[in-house]
Amino acid sequence: MRILVVEDDPMLGKAIKNALENENNVVDLVTDGESCESALATASFDIVILDINLPDKSGLEVLRKLRTEKNLVPVLVLSARSSISQKIEGLDFGADDYLAKPFELSELLARIRSLVRRSKGIAAPILSYEDLELNPAKHSVSKAGMLLEISPKEFAILKTLLENLGKVVSKSRLENLLYSWDNAIESNAIEVHIHHLRKKIGQNFIKNIRGVGYLVG
């Protein structure tokens, strides 16, 4: 998953980012409302973790603008304000969940997983093509019934290609999926991951549509 974290407390923001990256997510961390709006205008995210108390504008203002623009990305609000009326206000502005500070990182991670499952239709279906099967829930890939050792980035690429079976997925979309702005992307990074995948699942399983992207099916 690619996740946007909007938190002006540097220690908390870094702790959230590290916890999410330890679960093999791609995480972009910003510290104010303007940067959040810029990020949402230039990239796609699976979920946004949004602090209400930002230095330049209220997180609720950012959230209201987001929903006014018909952006339905799941948003989990963080706030030191924990009264019932304040929680209702956040939810009425369009938040999908509300977590009061202080909180345990384990609870935050569980809530994120729950929100993403709900946004994608509860249970993620098993994806298959020919003799290959990818199980999102178990984060596993098997070919002809044999489990394969797949890295997190290889898994993300293969999952995206199988979700778009018969359609070309651009290289830039795969880069956006795998790398945050903090990561320097080698020009051939996607090609390297595809090369490793082909060695594991078959040379002809993933097709290269030159100048366009990659295709399964």
N, C-alpha and C. Protein backbone atom coordinates (compact mmCIF):
# COMPACT_ATOMS: atom_id res chain seq x y z
N MET A 1 0.84 -1.19 0.00
CA MET A 1 0.00 0.00 0.00
C MET A 1 0.87 1.25 0.00
N ARG A 2 0.34 2.31 -0.59
CA ARG A 2 0.99 3.62 -0.47
C ARG A 2 0.14 4.48 0.46
N ILE A 3 0.77 5.01 1.50
CA ILE A 3 0.06 5.70 2.57
C ILE A 3 0.62 7.10 2.75
N LEU A 4 -0.28 8.08 2.89
CA LEU A 4 0.13 9.45 3.19
C LEU A 4 -0.12 9.73 4.67
N VAL A 5 0.94 10.10 5.38
CA VAL A 5 0.84 10.46 6.80
C VAL A 5 1.01 11.97 6.92
N VAL A 6 0.03 12.63 7.55
CA VAL A 6 0.07 14.08 7.74
C VAL A 6 0.13 14.34 9.24
N GLU A 7 1.33 14.64 9.74
CA GLU A 7 1.54 14.78 11.19
C GLU A 7 2.66 15.78 11.44
N ASP A 8 2.37 16.85 12.21
CA ASP A 8 3.38 17.89 12.41
C ASP A 8 4.33 17.60 13.57
N ASP A 9 4.01 16.63 14.40
CA ASP A 9 4.92 16.22 15.47
C ASP A 9 6.00 15.32 14.86
N PRO A 10 7.26 15.78 14.78
CA PRO A 10 8.28 15.01 14.07
C PRO A 10 8.53 13.63 14.66
N MET A 11 8.51 13.52 15.97
CA MET A 11 8.77 12.21 16.59
C MET A 11 7.63 11.23 16.32
N LEU A 12 6.38 11.70 16.46
CA LEU A 12 5.24 10.82 16.21
C LEU A 12 5.15 10.47 14.73
N GLY A 13 5.37 11.47 13.87
CA GLY A 13 5.31 11.21 12.43
C GLY A 13 6.32 10.16 12.01
N LYS A 14 7.54 10.28 12.52
CA LYS A 14 8.60 9.31 12.18
C LYS A 14 8.26 7.93 12.72
N ALA A 15 7.69 7.87 13.94
CA ALA A 15 7.33 6.58 14.53
C ALA A 15 6.25 5.89 13.71
N ILE A 16 5.25 6.65 13.26
CA ILE A 16 4.19 6.08 12.43
C ILE A 16 4.76 5.61 11.10
N LYS A 17 5.60 6.43 10.49
CA LYS A 17 6.22 6.08 9.20
C LYS A 17 7.03 4.80 9.32
N ASN A 18 7.84 4.70 10.35
CA ASN A 18 8.67 3.50 10.53
C ASN A 18 7.82 2.26 10.75
N ALA A 19 6.76 2.39 11.56
CA ALA A 19 5.89 1.24 11.83
C ALA A 19 5.21 0.75 10.56
N LEU A 20 4.77 1.68 9.73
CA LEU A 20 4.10 1.31 8.48
C LEU A 20 5.09 0.71 7.49
N GLU A 21 6.29 1.27 7.41
CA GLU A 21 7.30 0.74 6.49
C GLU A 21 7.76 -0.65 6.93
N ASN A 22 7.74 -0.91 8.22
CA ASN A 22 8.09 -2.25 8.71
C ASN A 22 7.09 -3.30 8.27
N GLU A 23 5.88 -2.86 7.88
CA GLU A 23 4.88 -3.78 7.34
C GLU A 23 4.86 -3.73 5.81
N ASN A 24 5.97 -3.25 5.23
CA ASN A 24 6.18 -3.25 3.78
C ASN A 24 5.25 -2.30 3.02
N ASN A 25 4.87 -1.20 3.66
CA ASN A 25 4.10 -0.16 2.99
C ASN A 25 5.04 0.92 2.46
N VAL A 26 4.59 1.64 1.43
CA VAL A 26 5.29 2.82 0.95
C VAL A 26 4.64 4.02 1.62
N VAL A 27 5.44 4.84 2.31
CA VAL A 27 4.88 5.91 3.15
C VAL A 27 5.48 7.26 2.78
N ASP A 28 4.60 8.25 2.56
CA ASP A 28 5.02 9.63 2.38
C ASP A 28 4.58 10.40 3.62
N LEU A 29 5.50 11.16 4.22
CA LEU A 29 5.22 11.91 5.44
C LEU A 29 5.31 13.41 5.15
N VAL A 30 4.22 14.14 5.43
CA VAL A 30 4.22 15.60 5.32
C VAL A 30 3.77 16.18 6.66
N THR A 31 4.03 17.47 6.86
CA THR A 31 3.82 18.05 8.19
C THR A 31 2.83 19.21 8.23
N ASP A 32 2.19 19.53 7.09
CA ASP A 32 1.22 20.63 7.11
C ASP A 32 0.13 20.40 6.07
N GLY A 33 -0.91 21.22 6.14
CA GLY A 33 -2.06 21.05 5.27
C GLY A 33 -1.76 21.31 3.81
N GLU A 34 -0.96 22.35 3.52
CA GLU A 34 -0.64 22.66 2.13
C GLU A 34 0.11 21.51 1.47
N SER A 35 1.06 20.93 2.18
CA SER A 35 1.82 19.80 1.64
C SER A 35 0.92 18.59 1.43
N CYS A 36 -0.04 18.42 2.33
CA CYS A 36 -1.00 17.33 2.19
C CYS A 36 -1.81 17.49 0.92
N GLU A 37 -2.34 18.69 0.69
CA GLU A 37 -3.16 18.94 -0.49
C GLU A 37 -2.35 18.77 -1.77
N SER A 38 -1.08 19.20 -1.73
CA SER A 38 -0.20 19.04 -2.89
C SER A 38 0.05 17.56 -3.17
N ALA A 39 0.28 16.78 -2.10
CA ALA A 39 0.53 15.35 -2.26
C ALA A 39 -0.68 14.65 -2.87
N LEU A 40 -1.86 14.98 -2.39
CA LEU A 40 -3.08 14.34 -2.88
C LEU A 40 -3.39 14.73 -4.32
N ALA A 41 -2.88 15.89 -4.75
CA ALA A 41 -3.11 16.33 -6.12
C ALA A 41 -2.15 15.68 -7.11
N THR A 42 -1.05 15.12 -6.61
CA THR A 42 -0.02 14.61 -7.51
C THR A 42 0.20 13.10 -7.43
N ALA A 43 -0.40 12.43 -6.44
CA ALA A 43 -0.19 10.99 -6.29
C ALA A 43 -1.45 10.33 -5.77
N SER A 44 -1.53 9.02 -5.96
CA SER A 44 -2.67 8.24 -5.46
C SER A 44 -2.25 7.47 -4.22
N PHE A 45 -3.11 7.45 -3.23
CA PHE A 45 -2.82 6.77 -1.97
C PHE A 45 -3.94 5.80 -1.62
N ASP A 46 -3.59 4.75 -0.90
CA ASP A 46 -4.58 3.78 -0.44
C ASP A 46 -5.31 4.27 0.80
N ILE A 47 -4.64 5.13 1.58
CA ILE A 47 -5.24 5.68 2.80
C ILE A 47 -4.44 6.90 3.24
N VAL A 48 -5.12 7.83 3.92
CA VAL A 48 -4.47 9.03 4.47
C VAL A 48 -4.64 9.02 5.99
N ILE A 49 -3.53 9.22 6.70
CA ILE A 49 -3.55 9.37 8.16
C ILE A 49 -3.39 10.86 8.43
N LEU A 50 -4.44 11.51 8.93
CA LEU A 50 -4.49 12.97 8.97
C LEU A 50 -4.63 13.50 10.39
N ASP A 51 -3.62 14.26 10.83
CA ASP A 51 -3.70 14.93 12.13
C ASP A 51 -4.59 16.16 11.98
N ILE A 52 -5.44 16.42 12.97
CA ILE A 52 -6.34 17.57 12.92
C ILE A 52 -5.60 18.88 13.18
N ASN A 53 -4.65 18.88 14.11
CA ASN A 53 -3.99 20.11 14.54
C ASN A 53 -2.71 20.35 13.75
N LEU A 54 -2.85 20.96 12.57
CA LEU A 54 -1.71 21.24 11.71
C LEU A 54 -1.31 22.71 11.85
N PRO A 55 -0.06 23.06 11.53
CA PRO A 55 0.42 24.42 11.79
C PRO A 55 -0.19 25.49 10.89
N ASP A 56 -0.57 25.15 9.66
CA ASP A 56 -1.04 26.17 8.73
C ASP A 56 -2.56 26.22 8.58
N LYS A 57 -3.22 25.09 8.74
CA LYS A 57 -4.68 25.04 8.62
C LYS A 57 -5.18 23.80 9.34
N SER A 58 -6.46 23.80 9.66
CA SER A 58 -7.03 22.65 10.35
C SER A 58 -7.09 21.43 9.44
N GLY A 59 -6.81 20.27 10.02
CA GLY A 59 -6.97 19.05 9.25
C GLY A 59 -8.39 18.86 8.77
N LEU A 60 -9.36 19.38 9.53
CA LEU A 60 -10.76 19.29 9.11
C LEU A 60 -11.00 20.10 7.84
N GLU A 61 -10.31 21.22 7.71
CA GLU A 61 -10.41 22.03 6.49
C GLU A 61 -9.85 21.26 5.30
N VAL A 62 -8.73 20.60 5.52
CA VAL A 62 -8.14 19.76 4.47
C VAL A 62 -9.10 18.64 4.09
N LEU A 63 -9.69 18.02 5.08
CA LEU A 63 -10.62 16.91 4.86
C LEU A 63 -11.85 17.37 4.10
N ARG A 64 -12.40 18.51 4.49
CA ARG A 64 -13.60 19.02 3.81
C ARG A 64 -13.30 19.31 2.34
N LYS A 65 -12.15 19.91 2.05
CA LYS A 65 -11.76 20.19 0.66
C LYS A 65 -11.61 18.89 -0.11
N LEU A 66 -11.02 17.90 0.52
CA LEU A 66 -10.82 16.60 -0.12
C LEU A 66 -12.15 15.99 -0.54
N ARG A 67 -13.12 16.00 0.37
CA ARG A 67 -14.43 15.41 0.08
C ARG A 67 -15.22 16.26 -0.91
N THR A 68 -15.05 17.58 -0.86
CA THR A 68 -15.72 18.46 -1.83
C THR A 68 -15.25 18.15 -3.25
N GLU A 69 -13.98 17.75 -3.37
CA GLU A 69 -13.42 17.40 -4.67
C GLU A 69 -13.74 15.96 -5.07
N LYS A 70 -14.61 15.29 -4.30
CA LYS A 70 -15.07 13.93 -4.59
C LYS A 70 -13.95 12.90 -4.50
N ASN A 71 -12.92 13.20 -3.73
CA ASN A 71 -11.86 12.23 -3.49
C ASN A 71 -12.30 11.33 -2.33
N LEU A 72 -12.47 10.04 -2.61
CA LEU A 72 -13.01 9.11 -1.63
C LEU A 72 -11.95 8.26 -0.94
N VAL A 73 -10.69 8.67 -1.02
CA VAL A 73 -9.62 7.91 -0.34
C VAL A 73 -9.96 7.79 1.15
N PRO A 74 -9.78 6.61 1.74
CA PRO A 74 -10.05 6.47 3.18
C PRO A 74 -9.16 7.41 4.00
N VAL A 75 -9.76 8.05 4.99
CA VAL A 75 -9.03 8.99 5.86
C VAL A 75 -9.24 8.59 7.32
N LEU A 76 -8.12 8.37 8.01
CA LEU A 76 -8.15 8.12 9.44
C LEU A 76 -7.62 9.37 10.14
N VAL A 77 -8.46 9.99 10.96
CA VAL A 77 -8.11 11.23 11.64
C VAL A 77 -7.44 10.94 12.98
N LEU A 78 -6.36 11.68 13.25
CA LEU A 78 -5.69 11.64 14.55
C LEU A 78 -5.91 12.97 15.26
N SER A 79 -6.23 12.93 16.54
CA SER A 79 -6.44 14.18 17.26
C SER A 79 -6.27 13.99 18.75
N ALA A 80 -5.74 15.04 19.40
CA ALA A 80 -5.66 15.03 20.86
C ALA A 80 -7.02 15.33 21.48
N ARG A 81 -7.95 15.80 20.64
CA ARG A 81 -9.30 16.09 21.10
C ARG A 81 -10.12 14.80 21.05
N SER A 82 -10.64 14.39 22.18
CA SER A 82 -11.26 13.06 22.23
C SER A 82 -12.70 13.05 22.72
N SER A 83 -13.34 14.23 22.81
CA SER A 83 -14.73 14.24 23.25
C SER A 83 -15.63 13.66 22.17
N ILE A 84 -16.80 13.20 22.56
CA ILE A 84 -17.75 12.62 21.61
C ILE A 84 -18.12 13.62 20.53
N SER A 85 -18.37 14.88 20.92
CA SER A 85 -18.77 15.89 19.94
C SER A 85 -17.67 16.15 18.92
N GLN A 86 -16.41 16.12 19.36
CA GLN A 86 -15.29 16.33 18.44
C GLN A 86 -15.12 15.16 17.49
N LYS A 87 -15.34 13.94 17.99
CA LYS A 87 -15.28 12.77 17.11
C LYS A 87 -16.38 12.83 16.07
N ILE A 88 -17.58 13.22 16.49
CA ILE A 88 -18.71 13.33 15.56
C ILE A 88 -18.41 14.37 14.50
N GLU A 89 -17.80 15.49 14.91
CA GLU A 89 -17.44 16.53 13.96
C GLU A 89 -16.49 16.00 12.89
N GLY A 90 -15.47 15.26 13.32
CA GLY A 90 -14.52 14.70 12.36
C GLY A 90 -15.18 13.73 11.40
N LEU A 91 -16.04 12.87 11.91
CA LEU A 91 -16.73 11.90 11.06
C LEU A 91 -17.69 12.60 10.11
N ASP A 92 -18.36 13.66 10.58
CA ASP A 92 -19.29 14.39 9.72
C ASP A 92 -18.56 15.14 8.61
N PHE A 93 -17.31 15.50 8.84
CA PHE A 93 -16.52 16.17 7.80
C PHE A 93 -16.04 15.18 6.73
N GLY A 94 -16.21 13.89 6.98
CA GLY A 94 -15.85 12.90 5.97
C GLY A 94 -14.78 11.92 6.36
N ALA A 95 -14.37 11.94 7.64
CA ALA A 95 -13.38 10.95 8.10
C ALA A 95 -14.01 9.56 8.13
N ASP A 96 -13.21 8.55 7.84
CA ASP A 96 -13.68 7.16 7.89
C ASP A 96 -13.46 6.54 9.26
N ASP A 97 -12.52 7.10 10.02
CA ASP A 97 -12.26 6.62 11.37
C ASP A 97 -11.58 7.75 12.14
N TYR A 98 -11.60 7.64 13.47
CA TYR A 98 -11.08 8.70 14.33
C TYR A 98 -10.35 8.04 15.49
N LEU A 99 -9.08 8.41 15.66
CA LEU A 99 -8.28 7.83 16.73
C LEU A 99 -7.72 8.94 17.60
N ALA A 100 -8.05 8.90 18.89
CA ALA A 100 -7.61 9.94 19.81
C ALA A 100 -6.19 9.66 20.30
N LYS A 101 -5.40 10.72 20.43
CA LYS A 101 -4.05 10.64 21.00
C LYS A 101 -4.15 10.68 22.52
N PRO A 102 -3.25 10.01 23.22
CA PRO A 102 -2.23 9.08 22.72
C PRO A 102 -2.84 7.74 22.35
N PHE A 103 -2.15 7.00 21.49
CA PHE A 103 -2.65 5.70 21.05
C PHE A 103 -1.48 4.74 20.90
N GLU A 104 -1.79 3.47 20.87
CA GLU A 104 -0.78 2.44 20.61
C GLU A 104 -0.62 2.28 19.10
N LEU A 105 0.61 2.18 18.63
CA LEU A 105 0.85 2.00 17.20
C LEU A 105 0.18 0.73 16.69
N SER A 106 0.11 -0.30 17.51
CA SER A 106 -0.53 -1.55 17.09
C SER A 106 -2.00 -1.33 16.77
N GLU A 107 -2.67 -0.46 17.54
CA GLU A 107 -4.08 -0.17 17.26
C GLU A 107 -4.21 0.62 15.96
N LEU A 108 -3.32 1.60 15.76
CA LEU A 108 -3.34 2.37 14.52
C LEU A 108 -3.18 1.46 13.31
N LEU A 109 -2.22 0.54 13.36
CA LEU A 109 -1.98 -0.37 12.25
C LEU A 109 -3.19 -1.25 11.99
N ALA A 110 -3.84 -1.73 13.04
CA ALA A 110 -5.03 -2.57 12.89
C ALA A 110 -6.16 -1.78 12.25
N ARG A 111 -6.35 -0.53 12.67
CA ARG A 111 -7.41 0.30 12.10
C ARG A 111 -7.14 0.59 10.62
N ILE A 112 -5.88 0.82 10.27
CA ILE A 112 -5.52 1.06 8.88
C ILE A 112 -5.86 -0.16 8.02
N ARG A 113 -5.47 -1.34 8.48
CA ARG A 113 -5.78 -2.56 7.73
C ARG A 113 -7.28 -2.73 7.55
N SER A 114 -8.04 -2.45 8.60
CA SER A 114 -9.49 -2.59 8.54
C SER A 114 -10.10 -1.62 7.54
N LEU A 115 -9.66 -0.36 7.57
CA LEU A 115 -10.20 0.63 6.65
C LEU A 115 -9.90 0.28 5.20
N VAL A 116 -8.68 -0.17 4.93
CA VAL A 116 -8.31 -0.52 3.56
C VAL A 116 -9.11 -1.72 3.08
N ARG A 117 -9.31 -2.71 3.95
CA ARG A 117 -10.15 -3.86 3.57
C ARG A 117 -11.56 -3.41 3.21
N ARG A 118 -12.13 -2.55 4.02
CA ARG A 118 -13.48 -2.07 3.77
C ARG A 118 -13.55 -1.29 2.46
N SER A 119 -12.54 -0.47 2.21
CA SER A 119 -12.56 0.35 1.00
C SER A 119 -12.42 -0.48 -0.26
N LYS A 120 -11.80 -1.65 -0.14
CA LYS A 120 -11.59 -2.50 -1.32
C LYS A 120 -12.62 -3.61 -1.41
N GLY A 121 -13.67 -3.52 -0.58
CA GLY A 121 -14.74 -4.52 -0.69
C GLY A 121 -14.58 -5.66 0.28
N ILE A 122 -14.13 -5.36 1.49
CA ILE A 122 -13.99 -6.32 2.60
C ILE A 122 -12.87 -7.32 2.32
N ALA A 123 -13.21 -8.50 1.86
CA ALA A 123 -12.19 -9.54 1.69
C ALA A 123 -11.59 -9.46 0.30
N ALA A 124 -10.28 -9.33 0.24
CA ALA A 124 -9.61 -9.29 -1.06
C ALA A 124 -9.64 -10.67 -1.69
N PRO A 125 -10.11 -10.78 -2.94
CA PRO A 125 -10.21 -12.09 -3.57
C PRO A 125 -8.85 -12.64 -3.97
N ILE A 126 -8.78 -13.96 -4.06
CA ILE A 126 -7.57 -14.60 -4.58
C ILE A 126 -7.48 -14.31 -6.07
N LEU A 127 -6.30 -13.92 -6.52
CA LEU A 127 -6.07 -13.59 -7.93
C LEU A 127 -5.33 -14.74 -8.59
N SER A 128 -5.78 -15.13 -9.76
CA SER A 128 -5.13 -16.27 -10.43
C SER A 128 -5.10 -16.06 -11.94
N TYR A 129 -4.10 -16.68 -12.56
CA TYR A 129 -3.98 -16.72 -14.01
C TYR A 129 -3.13 -17.93 -14.37
N GLU A 130 -3.66 -18.75 -15.28
CA GLU A 130 -3.01 -20.01 -15.64
C GLU A 130 -2.76 -20.81 -14.36
N ASP A 131 -1.52 -21.22 -14.09
CA ASP A 131 -1.27 -22.05 -12.90
C ASP A 131 -0.71 -21.23 -11.73
N LEU A 132 -0.83 -19.90 -11.82
CA LEU A 132 -0.31 -19.04 -10.76
C LEU A 132 -1.46 -18.49 -9.92
N GLU A 133 -1.26 -18.45 -8.61
CA GLU A 133 -2.29 -17.97 -7.68
C GLU A 133 -1.67 -17.02 -6.66
N LEU A 134 -2.29 -15.86 -6.49
CA LEU A 134 -1.81 -14.87 -5.53
C LEU A 134 -2.91 -14.64 -4.49
N ASN A 135 -2.55 -14.83 -3.23
CA ASN A 135 -3.50 -14.67 -2.13
C ASN A 135 -3.15 -13.40 -1.35
N PRO A 136 -3.92 -12.30 -1.54
CA PRO A 136 -3.61 -11.04 -0.84
C PRO A 136 -3.67 -11.16 0.67
N ALA A 137 -4.64 -11.92 1.18
CA ALA A 137 -4.81 -12.04 2.63
C ALA A 137 -3.60 -12.72 3.28
N LYS A 138 -3.07 -13.74 2.63
CA LYS A 138 -1.92 -14.47 3.17
C LYS A 138 -0.59 -13.92 2.66
N HIS A 139 -0.67 -12.97 1.72
CA HIS A 139 0.53 -12.39 1.11
C HIS A 139 1.41 -13.51 0.54
N SER A 140 0.78 -14.41 -0.21
CA SER A 140 1.51 -15.56 -0.75
C SER A 140 1.26 -15.70 -2.24
N VAL A 141 2.23 -16.32 -2.91
CA VAL A 141 2.13 -16.61 -4.34
C VAL A 141 2.53 -18.06 -4.56
N SER A 142 1.73 -18.78 -5.33
CA SER A 142 2.06 -20.17 -5.64
C SER A 142 1.93 -20.40 -7.14
N LYS A 143 2.74 -21.31 -7.63
CA LYS A 143 2.70 -21.69 -9.05
C LYS A 143 2.63 -23.20 -9.11
N ALA A 144 1.59 -23.70 -9.77
CA ALA A 144 1.34 -25.14 -9.84
C ALA A 144 1.31 -25.76 -8.44
N GLY A 145 0.76 -24.99 -7.49
CA GLY A 145 0.61 -25.49 -6.13
C GLY A 145 1.83 -25.34 -5.24
N MET A 146 2.93 -24.84 -5.79
CA MET A 146 4.17 -24.68 -5.03
C MET A 146 4.34 -23.22 -4.61
N LEU A 147 4.56 -22.99 -3.31
CA LEU A 147 4.76 -21.63 -2.81
C LEU A 147 6.08 -21.06 -3.34
N LEU A 148 6.04 -19.79 -3.72
CA LEU A 148 7.23 -19.11 -4.22
C LEU A 148 7.71 -18.08 -3.21
N GLU A 149 9.01 -17.84 -3.20
CA GLU A 149 9.57 -16.77 -2.37
C GLU A 149 9.54 -15.48 -3.18
N ILE A 150 8.69 -14.55 -2.73
CA ILE A 150 8.47 -13.30 -3.46
C ILE A 150 8.75 -12.13 -2.52
N SER A 151 9.53 -11.16 -2.97
CA SER A 151 9.80 -9.98 -2.15
C SER A 151 8.55 -9.09 -2.11
N PRO A 152 8.46 -8.19 -1.11
CA PRO A 152 7.29 -7.31 -1.03
C PRO A 152 7.06 -6.49 -2.29
N LYS A 153 8.11 -5.97 -2.90
CA LYS A 153 7.94 -5.16 -4.11
C LYS A 153 7.52 -6.04 -5.29
N GLU A 154 8.08 -7.23 -5.39
CA GLU A 154 7.66 -8.16 -6.45
C GLU A 154 6.19 -8.53 -6.27
N PHE A 155 5.78 -8.75 -5.02
CA PHE A 155 4.39 -9.08 -4.73
C PHE A 155 3.47 -7.95 -5.17
N ALA A 156 3.85 -6.70 -4.85
CA ALA A 156 3.02 -5.55 -5.21
C ALA A 156 2.89 -5.41 -6.72
N ILE A 157 3.98 -5.62 -7.45
CA ILE A 157 3.93 -5.54 -8.91
C ILE A 157 3.01 -6.62 -9.47
N LEU A 158 3.21 -7.85 -9.03
CA LEU A 158 2.42 -8.97 -9.54
C LEU A 158 0.94 -8.79 -9.21
N LYS A 159 0.65 -8.35 -8.00
CA LYS A 159 -0.74 -8.13 -7.59
C LYS A 159 -1.41 -7.08 -8.49
N THR A 160 -0.71 -6.00 -8.76
CA THR A 160 -1.27 -4.95 -9.61
C THR A 160 -1.51 -5.45 -11.03
N LEU A 161 -0.58 -6.23 -11.56
CA LEU A 161 -0.75 -6.77 -12.91
C LEU A 161 -1.92 -7.74 -12.98
N LEU A 162 -2.08 -8.57 -11.95
CA LEU A 162 -3.20 -9.53 -11.93
C LEU A 162 -4.53 -8.83 -11.72
N GLU A 163 -4.53 -7.74 -10.96
CA GLU A 163 -5.76 -6.96 -10.77
C GLU A 163 -6.18 -6.27 -12.06
N ASN A 164 -5.23 -6.09 -12.97
CA ASN A 164 -5.51 -5.45 -14.26
C ASN A 164 -5.28 -6.43 -15.40
N LEU A 165 -5.73 -7.66 -15.20
CA LEU A 165 -5.51 -8.74 -16.17
C LEU A 165 -5.99 -8.31 -17.57
N GLY A 166 -5.10 -8.47 -18.54
CA GLY A 166 -5.45 -8.12 -19.91
C GLY A 166 -5.28 -6.64 -20.24
N LYS A 167 -4.83 -5.85 -19.26
CA LYS A 167 -4.64 -4.42 -19.46
C LYS A 167 -3.17 -4.06 -19.22
N VAL A 168 -2.68 -3.09 -19.96
CA VAL A 168 -1.30 -2.65 -19.78
C VAL A 168 -1.21 -1.72 -18.57
N VAL A 169 -0.25 -1.99 -17.70
CA VAL A 169 0.02 -1.13 -16.55
C VAL A 169 1.32 -0.38 -16.82
N SER A 170 1.28 0.94 -16.75
CA SER A 170 2.45 1.74 -17.11
C SER A 170 3.57 1.61 -16.09
N LYS A 171 4.79 1.83 -16.54
CA LYS A 171 5.95 1.80 -15.66
C LYS A 171 5.83 2.86 -14.58
N SER A 172 5.33 4.05 -14.94
CA SER A 172 5.21 5.14 -13.96
C SER A 172 4.21 4.78 -12.86
N ARG A 173 3.16 4.05 -13.21
CA ARG A 173 2.19 3.64 -12.19
C ARG A 173 2.84 2.66 -11.21
N LEU A 174 3.65 1.76 -11.71
CA LEU A 174 4.33 0.80 -10.83
C LEU A 174 5.35 1.51 -9.95
N GLU A 175 6.05 2.50 -10.49
CA GLU A 175 7.00 3.28 -9.69
C GLU A 175 6.27 4.02 -8.57
N ASN A 176 5.13 4.60 -8.90
CA ASN A 176 4.33 5.32 -7.91
C ASN A 176 3.85 4.39 -6.81
N LEU A 177 3.58 3.14 -7.18
CA LEU A 177 3.11 2.15 -6.22
C LEU A 177 4.22 1.74 -5.24
N LEU A 178 5.44 1.68 -5.73
CA LEU A 178 6.53 1.08 -4.95
C LEU A 178 7.42 2.07 -4.21
N TYR A 179 7.44 3.32 -4.64
CA TYR A 179 8.43 4.24 -4.09
C TYR A 179 7.80 5.54 -3.62
N SER A 180 8.21 6.00 -2.44
CA SER A 180 7.78 7.31 -1.93
C SER A 180 8.73 8.37 -2.48
N TRP A 181 8.40 9.64 -2.21
CA TRP A 181 9.25 10.73 -2.71
C TRP A 181 10.62 10.71 -2.06
N ASP A 182 10.73 10.10 -0.90
CA ASP A 182 12.02 10.05 -0.20
C ASP A 182 13.00 9.08 -0.84
N ASN A 183 12.48 8.18 -1.66
CA ASN A 183 13.33 7.16 -2.26
C ASN A 183 13.84 7.60 -3.63
N ALA A 184 15.14 7.48 -3.83
CA ALA A 184 15.69 7.70 -5.17
C ALA A 184 15.40 6.46 -6.01
N ILE A 185 14.78 6.67 -7.17
CA ILE A 185 14.39 5.55 -8.02
C ILE A 185 15.39 5.38 -9.15
N GLU A 186 16.04 4.24 -9.20
CA GLU A 186 16.92 3.94 -10.33
C GLU A 186 16.07 3.82 -11.59
N SER A 187 16.62 4.26 -12.72
CA SER A 187 15.85 4.27 -13.96
C SER A 187 15.38 2.89 -14.38
N ASN A 188 16.12 1.85 -13.96
CA ASN A 188 15.76 0.49 -14.37
C ASN A 188 15.21 -0.34 -13.21
N ALA A 189 14.76 0.32 -12.14
CA ALA A 189 14.32 -0.41 -10.94
C ALA A 189 13.17 -1.36 -11.25
N ILE A 190 12.17 -0.90 -12.00
CA ILE A 190 11.03 -1.76 -12.32
C ILE A 190 11.47 -2.92 -13.19
N GLU A 191 12.35 -2.64 -14.15
CA GLU A 191 12.85 -3.71 -15.02
C GLU A 191 13.56 -4.80 -14.22
N VAL A 192 14.30 -4.39 -13.19
CA VAL A 192 15.01 -5.36 -12.34
C VAL A 192 14.01 -6.24 -11.60
N HIS A 193 12.97 -5.63 -11.03
CA HIS A 193 11.95 -6.42 -10.31
C HIS A 193 11.22 -7.37 -11.27
N ILE A 194 10.91 -6.90 -12.46
CA ILE A 194 10.25 -7.74 -13.45
C ILE A 194 11.15 -8.92 -13.83
N HIS A 195 12.44 -8.63 -13.99
CA HIS A 195 13.40 -9.69 -14.33
C HIS A 195 13.41 -10.78 -13.26
N HIS A 196 13.44 -10.38 -11.99
CA HIS A 196 13.43 -11.37 -10.89
C HIS A 196 12.11 -12.14 -10.86
N LEU A 197 11.00 -11.45 -11.11
CA LEU A 197 9.70 -12.12 -11.14
C LEU A 197 9.66 -13.17 -12.24
N ARG A 198 10.15 -12.81 -13.42
CA ARG A 198 10.11 -13.75 -14.55
C ARG A 198 10.92 -15.01 -14.27
N LYS A 199 12.02 -14.86 -13.54
CA LYS A 199 12.82 -16.04 -13.19
C LYS A 199 12.04 -16.99 -12.29
N LYS A 200 11.08 -16.44 -11.53
CA LYS A 200 10.33 -17.26 -10.58
C LYS A 200 9.03 -17.80 -11.17
N ILE A 201 8.37 -17.02 -12.04
CA ILE A 201 7.04 -17.43 -12.52
C ILE A 201 7.00 -17.78 -14.00
N GLY A 202 8.12 -17.57 -14.70
CA GLY A 202 8.15 -17.89 -16.12
C GLY A 202 8.48 -16.68 -16.96
N GLN A 203 9.34 -16.85 -17.95
CA GLN A 203 9.82 -15.72 -18.74
C GLN A 203 8.72 -15.03 -19.54
N ASN A 204 7.70 -15.79 -19.94
CA ASN A 204 6.67 -15.22 -20.81
C ASN A 204 5.39 -14.82 -20.08
N PHE A 205 5.40 -14.93 -18.75
CA PHE A 205 4.18 -14.64 -17.99
C PHE A 205 3.85 -13.14 -18.02
N ILE A 206 4.87 -12.31 -17.86
CA ILE A 206 4.69 -10.86 -17.90
C ILE A 206 5.23 -10.34 -19.23
N LYS A 207 4.36 -9.70 -19.99
CA LYS A 207 4.74 -9.18 -21.31
C LYS A 207 5.14 -7.71 -21.20
N ASN A 208 6.18 -7.35 -21.93
CA ASN A 208 6.64 -5.97 -21.99
C ASN A 208 6.09 -5.32 -23.25
N ILE A 209 5.20 -4.34 -23.08
CA ILE A 209 4.69 -3.58 -24.22
C ILE A 209 5.57 -2.35 -24.35
N ARG A 210 6.51 -2.40 -25.27
CA ARG A 210 7.58 -1.41 -25.35
C ARG A 210 7.03 0.02 -25.42
N GLY A 211 7.55 0.86 -24.53
CA GLY A 211 7.15 2.26 -24.51
C GLY A 211 5.83 2.53 -23.83
N VAL A 212 5.15 1.46 -23.38
CA VAL A 212 3.82 1.63 -22.76
C VAL A 212 3.82 1.12 -21.32
N GLY A 213 4.20 -0.18 -21.14
CA GLY A 213 4.20 -0.74 -19.79
C GLY A 213 4.24 -2.25 -19.81
N TYR A 214 3.58 -2.88 -18.85
CA TYR A 214 3.63 -4.34 -18.68
C TYR A 214 2.23 -4.92 -18.62
N LEU A 215 2.13 -6.18 -19.05
CA LEU A 215 0.83 -6.82 -19.22
C LEU A 215 0.89 -8.28 -18.83
N VAL A 216 -0.15 -8.74 -18.13
CA VAL A 216 -0.38 -10.17 -17.89
C VAL A 216 -1.71 -10.52 -18.52
N GLY A 217 -1.73 -11.60 -19.28
CA GLY A 217 -2.99 -12.02 -19.89
C GLY A 217 -3.06 -11.71 -21.37
